[in-house]
């Protein structure tokens, strides 16, 4: 079941149009974007935003860079005439990941919807988040959130971790 409305039901696939937000630009531009297929994991109510979630697969540390002190995935790029532009789905916070995992753990039919959509996810896995830690005085590294222990950890360079992204919806408006 697919919908183009801005009021989805749990388990429904939402096809969002590509929308972009420029983070940083000069001769190299960095852009956050949303778009494509998401699955509704929580319906909107009068007082609570609904949540659409997309599982991007797994990624290694070297598939990211830091932009403006935050993790940035290398999800897409354009080679323009006088500049390059890189695109990344936004990274969720650890609290957002915790909320999503709490929803998924309690709903086996919803987990099945993700499997059917070829978006495999394990609620006890490790997930990239927007929080960072200092590795050296000036160098920041992205952190991963453990679905098993609910803590932030420094990532290993040779392990790939889940990447998810979310879009919130409420009263016809999308936020991310």
C-alpha atoms as a PDB file:
ATOM      1  CA  UNK A   1       0.000   0.000   0.000  1.00  0.00           C
ATOM      2  CA  UNK A   2       1.485   3.354  -1.029  1.00  0.00           C
ATOM      3  CA  UNK A   3       0.344   6.875  -0.318  1.00  0.00           C
ATOM      4  CA  UNK A   4       1.259  10.361  -1.454  1.00  0.00           C
ATOM      5  CA  UNK A   5      -0.640  12.025   1.394  1.00  0.00           C
ATOM      6  CA  UNK A   6       1.138  13.599   4.339  1.00  0.00           C
ATOM      7  CA  UNK A   7      -0.763  11.434   6.823  1.00  0.00           C
ATOM      8  CA  UNK A   8       0.431   7.842   6.678  1.00  0.00           C
ATOM      9  CA  UNK A   9      -0.654   4.736   8.597  1.00  0.00           C
ATOM     10  CA  UNK A  10       1.740   2.328  10.346  1.00  0.00           C
ATOM     11  CA  UNK A  11       3.347  -0.019   7.818  1.00  0.00           C
ATOM     12  CA  UNK A  12       2.433   2.143   4.841  1.00  0.00           C
ATOM     13  CA  UNK A  13       5.108   3.015   2.275  1.00  0.00           C
ATOM     14  CA  UNK A  14       5.620   6.732   1.748  1.00  0.00           C
ATOM     15  CA  UNK A  15       7.217   7.881  -1.492  1.00  0.00           C
ATOM     16  CA  UNK A  16       8.653  11.298  -0.708  1.00  0.00           C
ATOM     17  CA  UNK A  17       9.822  13.731  -3.360  1.00  0.00           C
ATOM     18  CA  UNK A  18      13.495  14.652  -3.207  1.00  0.00           C
ATOM     19  CA  UNK A  19      13.955  17.695  -0.990  1.00  0.00           C
ATOM     20  CA  UNK A  20      17.315  19.309  -0.212  1.00  0.00           C
ATOM     21  CA  UNK A  21      18.885  21.584   2.429  1.00  0.00           C
ATOM     22  CA  UNK A  22      22.303  23.135   1.767  1.00  0.00           C
ATOM     23  CA  UNK A  23      24.674  22.673   4.721  1.00  0.00           C
ATOM     24  CA  UNK A  24      27.842  24.221   3.385  1.00  0.00           C
ATOM     25  CA  UNK A  25      28.841  25.483   0.006  1.00  0.00           C
ATOM     26  CA  UNK A  26      31.826  26.930  -1.800  1.00  0.00           C
ATOM     27  CA  UNK A  27      33.692  25.058  -4.533  1.00  0.00           C
ATOM     28  CA  UNK A  28      32.401  21.898  -2.836  1.00  0.00           C
ATOM     29  CA  UNK A  29      28.778  21.832  -1.704  1.00  0.00           C
ATOM     30  CA  UNK A  30      27.373  19.606   1.031  1.00  0.00           C
ATOM     31  CA  UNK A  31      23.629  18.978   1.063  1.00  0.00           C
ATOM     32  CA  UNK A  32      21.252  16.995   3.289  1.00  0.00           C
ATOM     33  CA  UNK A  33      18.368  15.457   1.407  1.00  0.00           C
ATOM     34  CA  UNK A  34      15.325  13.260   1.797  1.00  0.00           C
ATOM     35  CA  UNK A  35      13.401  11.355  -0.806  1.00  0.00           C
ATOM     36  CA  UNK A  36      12.400   7.951  -2.078  1.00  0.00           C
ATOM     37  CA  UNK A  37      10.729   5.174  -0.063  1.00  0.00           C
ATOM     38  CA  UNK A  38      10.153   5.347   3.690  1.00  0.00           C
ATOM     39  CA  UNK A  39       7.958   3.214   5.926  1.00  0.00           C
ATOM     40  CA  UNK A  40       5.584   4.756   8.449  1.00  0.00           C
ATOM     41  CA  UNK A  41       6.395   3.464  11.930  1.00  0.00           C
ATOM     42  CA  UNK A  42       4.184   5.829  13.939  1.00  0.00           C
ATOM     43  CA  UNK A  43       1.025   7.647  12.946  1.00  0.00           C
ATOM     44  CA  UNK A  44       0.582  11.320  13.692  1.00  0.00           C
ATOM     45  CA  UNK A  45      -1.935  12.361  16.347  1.00  0.00           C
ATOM     46  CA  UNK A  46      -3.078  15.800  17.467  1.00  0.00           C
ATOM     47  CA  UNK A  47      -0.183  16.034  19.924  1.00  0.00           C
ATOM     48  CA  UNK A  48       2.486  13.728  18.448  1.00  0.00           C
ATOM     49  CA  UNK A  49       4.405  13.755  15.189  1.00  0.00           C
ATOM     50  CA  UNK A  50       4.297  10.693  12.979  1.00  0.00           C
ATOM     51  CA  UNK A  51       7.565   9.021  11.968  1.00  0.00           C
ATOM     52  CA  UNK A  52       8.694   7.751   8.571  1.00  0.00           C
ATOM     53  CA  UNK A  53      11.861   5.654   8.575  1.00  0.00           C
ATOM     54  CA  UNK A  54      14.247   4.507   5.870  1.00  0.00           C
ATOM     55  CA  UNK A  55      16.987   1.908   6.370  1.00  0.00           C
ATOM     56  CA  UNK A  56      19.971   2.864   4.238  1.00  0.00           C
ATOM     57  CA  UNK A  57      21.845  -0.385   4.845  1.00  0.00           C
ATOM     58  CA  UNK A  58      25.177  -0.590   6.625  1.00  0.00           C
ATOM     59  CA  UNK A  59      28.215   1.658   6.293  1.00  0.00           C
ATOM     60  CA  UNK A  60      31.847   1.697   7.330  1.00  0.00           C
ATOM     61  CA  UNK A  61      33.519   4.717   8.941  1.00  0.00           C
ATOM     62  CA  UNK A  62      35.447   5.538   5.756  1.00  0.00           C
ATOM     63  CA  UNK A  63      32.152   6.043   3.885  1.00  0.00           C
ATOM     64  CA  UNK A  64      31.606   9.218   5.924  1.00  0.00           C
ATOM     65  CA  UNK A  65      33.243  12.525   6.522  1.00  0.00           C
ATOM     66  CA  UNK A  66      32.700  15.287   9.018  1.00  0.00           C
ATOM     67  CA  UNK A  67      30.982  18.449   7.728  1.00  0.00           C
ATOM     68  CA  UNK A  68      30.368  21.303  10.131  1.00  0.00           C
ATOM     69  CA  UNK A  69      31.317  19.035  13.043  1.00  0.00           C
ATOM     70  CA  UNK A  70      28.643  16.433  12.186  1.00  0.00           C
ATOM     71  CA  UNK A  71      28.751  13.107  10.291  1.00  0.00           C
ATOM     72  CA  UNK A  72      27.964  13.279   6.604  1.00  0.00           C
ATOM     73  CA  UNK A  73      27.389  10.179   4.466  1.00  0.00           C
ATOM     74  CA  UNK A  74      28.592   9.935   0.912  1.00  0.00           C
ATOM     75  CA  UNK A  75      25.177   8.924  -0.445  1.00  0.00           C
ATOM     76  CA  UNK A  76      25.159  10.761  -3.775  1.00  0.00           C
ATOM     77  CA  UNK A  77      27.122  13.389  -5.681  1.00  0.00           C
ATOM     78  CA  UNK A  78      26.983  15.681  -8.715  1.00  0.00           C
ATOM     79  CA  UNK A  79      29.971  16.844 -10.706  1.00  0.00           C
ATOM     80  CA  UNK A  80      28.928  20.351 -11.718  1.00  0.00           C
ATOM     81  CA  UNK A  81      30.753  22.724 -14.067  1.00  0.00           C
ATOM     82  CA  UNK A  82      32.764  24.581 -11.409  1.00  0.00           C
ATOM     83  CA  UNK A  83      32.022  22.630  -8.262  1.00  0.00           C
ATOM     84  CA  UNK A  84      31.234  19.258  -6.779  1.00  0.00           C
ATOM     85  CA  UNK A  85      28.144  18.671  -4.698  1.00  0.00           C
ATOM     86  CA  UNK A  86      27.806  15.830  -2.182  1.00  0.00           C
ATOM     87  CA  UNK A  87      24.522  14.622  -0.715  1.00  0.00           C
ATOM     88  CA  UNK A  88      23.755  12.804   2.527  1.00  0.00           C
ATOM     89  CA  UNK A  89      20.627  11.585   4.204  1.00  0.00           C
ATOM     90  CA  UNK A  90      20.529  13.250   7.656  1.00  0.00           C
ATOM     91  CA  UNK A  91      21.796  11.243  10.616  1.00  0.00           C
ATOM     92  CA  UNK A  92      19.393  10.808  13.553  1.00  0.00           C
ATOM     93  CA  UNK A  93      20.282  11.599  17.150  1.00  0.00           C
ATOM     94  CA  UNK A  94      20.796   8.797  19.665  1.00  0.00           C
ATOM     95  CA  UNK A  95      17.441   9.686  21.292  1.00  0.00           C
ATOM     96  CA  UNK A  96      15.683   9.431  17.925  1.00  0.00           C
ATOM     97  CA  UNK A  97      17.274   6.022  17.280  1.00  0.00           C
ATOM     98  CA  UNK A  98      16.244   4.830  20.752  1.00  0.00           C
ATOM     99  CA  UNK A  99      12.649   5.925  20.114  1.00  0.00           C
ATOM    100  CA  UNK A 100      12.566   4.163  16.730  1.00  0.00           C
ATOM    101  CA  UNK A 101      14.055   0.948  18.131  1.00  0.00           C
ATOM    102  CA  UNK A 102      11.518   0.935  20.983  1.00  0.00           C
ATOM    103  CA  UNK A 103       8.741   1.138  18.381  1.00  0.00           C
ATOM    104  CA  UNK A 104      10.249  -1.611  16.209  1.00  0.00           C
ATOM    105  CA  UNK A 105      10.863  -4.024  19.092  1.00  0.00           C
ATOM    106  CA  UNK A 106       7.211  -3.991  20.005  1.00  0.00           C
ATOM    107  CA  UNK A 107       5.884  -4.601  16.505  1.00  0.00           C
ATOM    108  CA  UNK A 108       6.865  -7.801  14.647  1.00  0.00           C
ATOM    109  CA  UNK A 109       4.526  -7.075  11.725  1.00  0.00           C
ATOM    110  CA  UNK A 110       6.290  -3.728  11.243  1.00  0.00           C
ATOM    111  CA  UNK A 111       9.684  -5.452  11.215  1.00  0.00           C
ATOM    112  CA  UNK A 112       8.252  -7.790   8.566  1.00  0.00           C
ATOM    113  CA  UNK A 113       7.264  -4.742   6.446  1.00  0.00           C
ATOM    114  CA  UNK A 114      10.919  -3.644   6.501  1.00  0.00           C
ATOM    115  CA  UNK A 115      12.025  -7.124   5.422  1.00  0.00           C
ATOM    116  CA  UNK A 116       9.488  -7.143   2.573  1.00  0.00           C
ATOM    117  CA  UNK A 117      10.763  -3.710   1.463  1.00  0.00           C
ATOM    118  CA  UNK A 118      14.375  -5.053   1.432  1.00  0.00           C
ATOM    119  CA  UNK A 119      15.305  -2.716   4.313  1.00  0.00           C
ATOM    120  CA  UNK A 120      16.822  -5.200   6.741  1.00  0.00           C
ATOM    121  CA  UNK A 121      17.228  -3.955  10.313  1.00  0.00           C
ATOM    122  CA  UNK A 122      18.033  -5.555  13.656  1.00  0.00           C
ATOM    123  CA  UNK A 123      16.783  -3.525  16.664  1.00  0.00           C
ATOM    124  CA  UNK A 124      19.693  -4.939  18.718  1.00  0.00           C
ATOM    125  CA  UNK A 125      22.278  -3.733  16.183  1.00  0.00           C
ATOM    126  CA  UNK A 126      24.582  -0.714  16.164  1.00  0.00           C
ATOM    127  CA  UNK A 127      23.473   2.495  14.426  1.00  0.00           C
ATOM    128  CA  UNK A 128      25.305   5.596  13.205  1.00  0.00           C
ATOM    129  CA  UNK A 129      24.058   8.746  14.955  1.00  0.00           C
ATOM    130  CA  UNK A 130      24.694  12.479  14.702  1.00  0.00           C
ATOM    131  CA  UNK A 131      26.526  12.646  18.049  1.00  0.00           C
ATOM    132  CA  UNK A 132      30.308  12.871  17.923  1.00  0.00           C
ATOM    133  CA  UNK A 133      33.268  12.329  20.218  1.00  0.00           C
ATOM    134  CA  UNK A 134      36.702  13.920  20.241  1.00  0.00           C
ATOM    135  CA  UNK A 135      39.457  11.656  19.022  1.00  0.00           C
ATOM    136  CA  UNK A 136      42.156  14.279  19.289  1.00  0.00           C
ATOM    137  CA  UNK A 137      42.111  17.909  20.376  1.00  0.00           C
ATOM    138  CA  UNK A 138      40.663  19.104  17.072  1.00  0.00           C
ATOM    139  CA  UNK A 139      39.367  15.910  15.478  1.00  0.00           C
ATOM    140  CA  UNK A 140      35.807  14.656  15.958  1.00  0.00           C
ATOM    141  CA  UNK A 141      34.538  11.214  15.036  1.00  0.00           C
ATOM    142  CA  UNK A 142      30.950  10.026  14.641  1.00  0.00           C
ATOM    143  CA  UNK A 143      29.474   7.740  17.271  1.00  0.00           C
ATOM    144  CA  UNK A 144      27.326   4.625  17.055  1.00  0.00           C
ATOM    145  CA  UNK A 145      24.340   3.814  19.247  1.00  0.00           C
ATOM    146  CA  UNK A 146      23.929   0.262  20.526  1.00  0.00           C
ATOM    147  CA  UNK A 147      20.397  -1.074  20.357  1.00  0.00           C
ATOM    148  CA  UNK A 148      21.451  -3.769  22.805  1.00  0.00           C
ATOM    149  CA  UNK A 149      22.809  -1.650  25.684  1.00  0.00           C
ATOM    150  CA  UNK A 150      21.381   1.802  24.828  1.00  0.00           C
ATOM    151  CA  UNK A 151      24.828   3.462  24.982  1.00  0.00           C
ATOM    152  CA  UNK A 152      26.984   5.480  22.592  1.00  0.00           C
ATOM    153  CA  UNK A 153      30.241   3.883  21.448  1.00  0.00           C
ATOM    154  CA  UNK A 154      33.240   4.823  19.348  1.00  0.00           C
ATOM    155  CA  UNK A 155      33.088   2.966  16.039  1.00  0.00           C
ATOM    156  CA  UNK A 156      35.589   0.427  14.818  1.00  0.00           C
ATOM    157  CA  UNK A 157      37.116   1.221  11.420  1.00  0.00           C
ATOM    158  CA  UNK A 158      36.597  -2.321  10.140  1.00  0.00           C
ATOM    159  CA  UNK A 159      32.950  -2.834  11.191  1.00  0.00           C
ATOM    160  CA  UNK A 160      29.918  -1.665   9.279  1.00  0.00           C
ATOM    161  CA  UNK A 161      26.940  -0.298  11.205  1.00  0.00           C
ATOM    162  CA  UNK A 162      23.325   0.384  10.287  1.00  0.00           C
ATOM    163  CA  UNK A 163      22.388   3.736   8.814  1.00  0.00           C
ATOM    164  CA  UNK A 164      18.822   4.893   9.172  1.00  0.00           C
ATOM    165  CA  UNK A 165      17.155   8.215   8.528  1.00  0.00           C
ATOM    166  CA  UNK A 166      13.792   9.583   9.562  1.00  0.00           C
ATOM    167  CA  UNK A 167      11.263  12.169   8.488  1.00  0.00           C
ATOM    168  CA  UNK A 168       8.609  13.443  10.874  1.00  0.00           C
ATOM    169  CA  UNK A 169       5.133  14.439   9.746  1.00  0.00           C
ATOM    170  CA  UNK A 170       2.411  16.383  11.506  1.00  0.00           C
ATOM    171  CA  UNK A 171      -0.619  18.258  10.210  1.00  0.00           C
ATOM    172  CA  UNK A 172       0.520  18.033   6.585  1.00  0.00           C
ATOM    173  CA  UNK A 173       4.094  19.207   7.253  1.00  0.00           C
ATOM    174  CA  UNK A 174       7.326  17.209   6.863  1.00  0.00           C
ATOM    175  CA  UNK A 175      10.335  17.944   9.091  1.00  0.00           C
ATOM    176  CA  UNK A 176      13.811  16.419   9.112  1.00  0.00           C
END
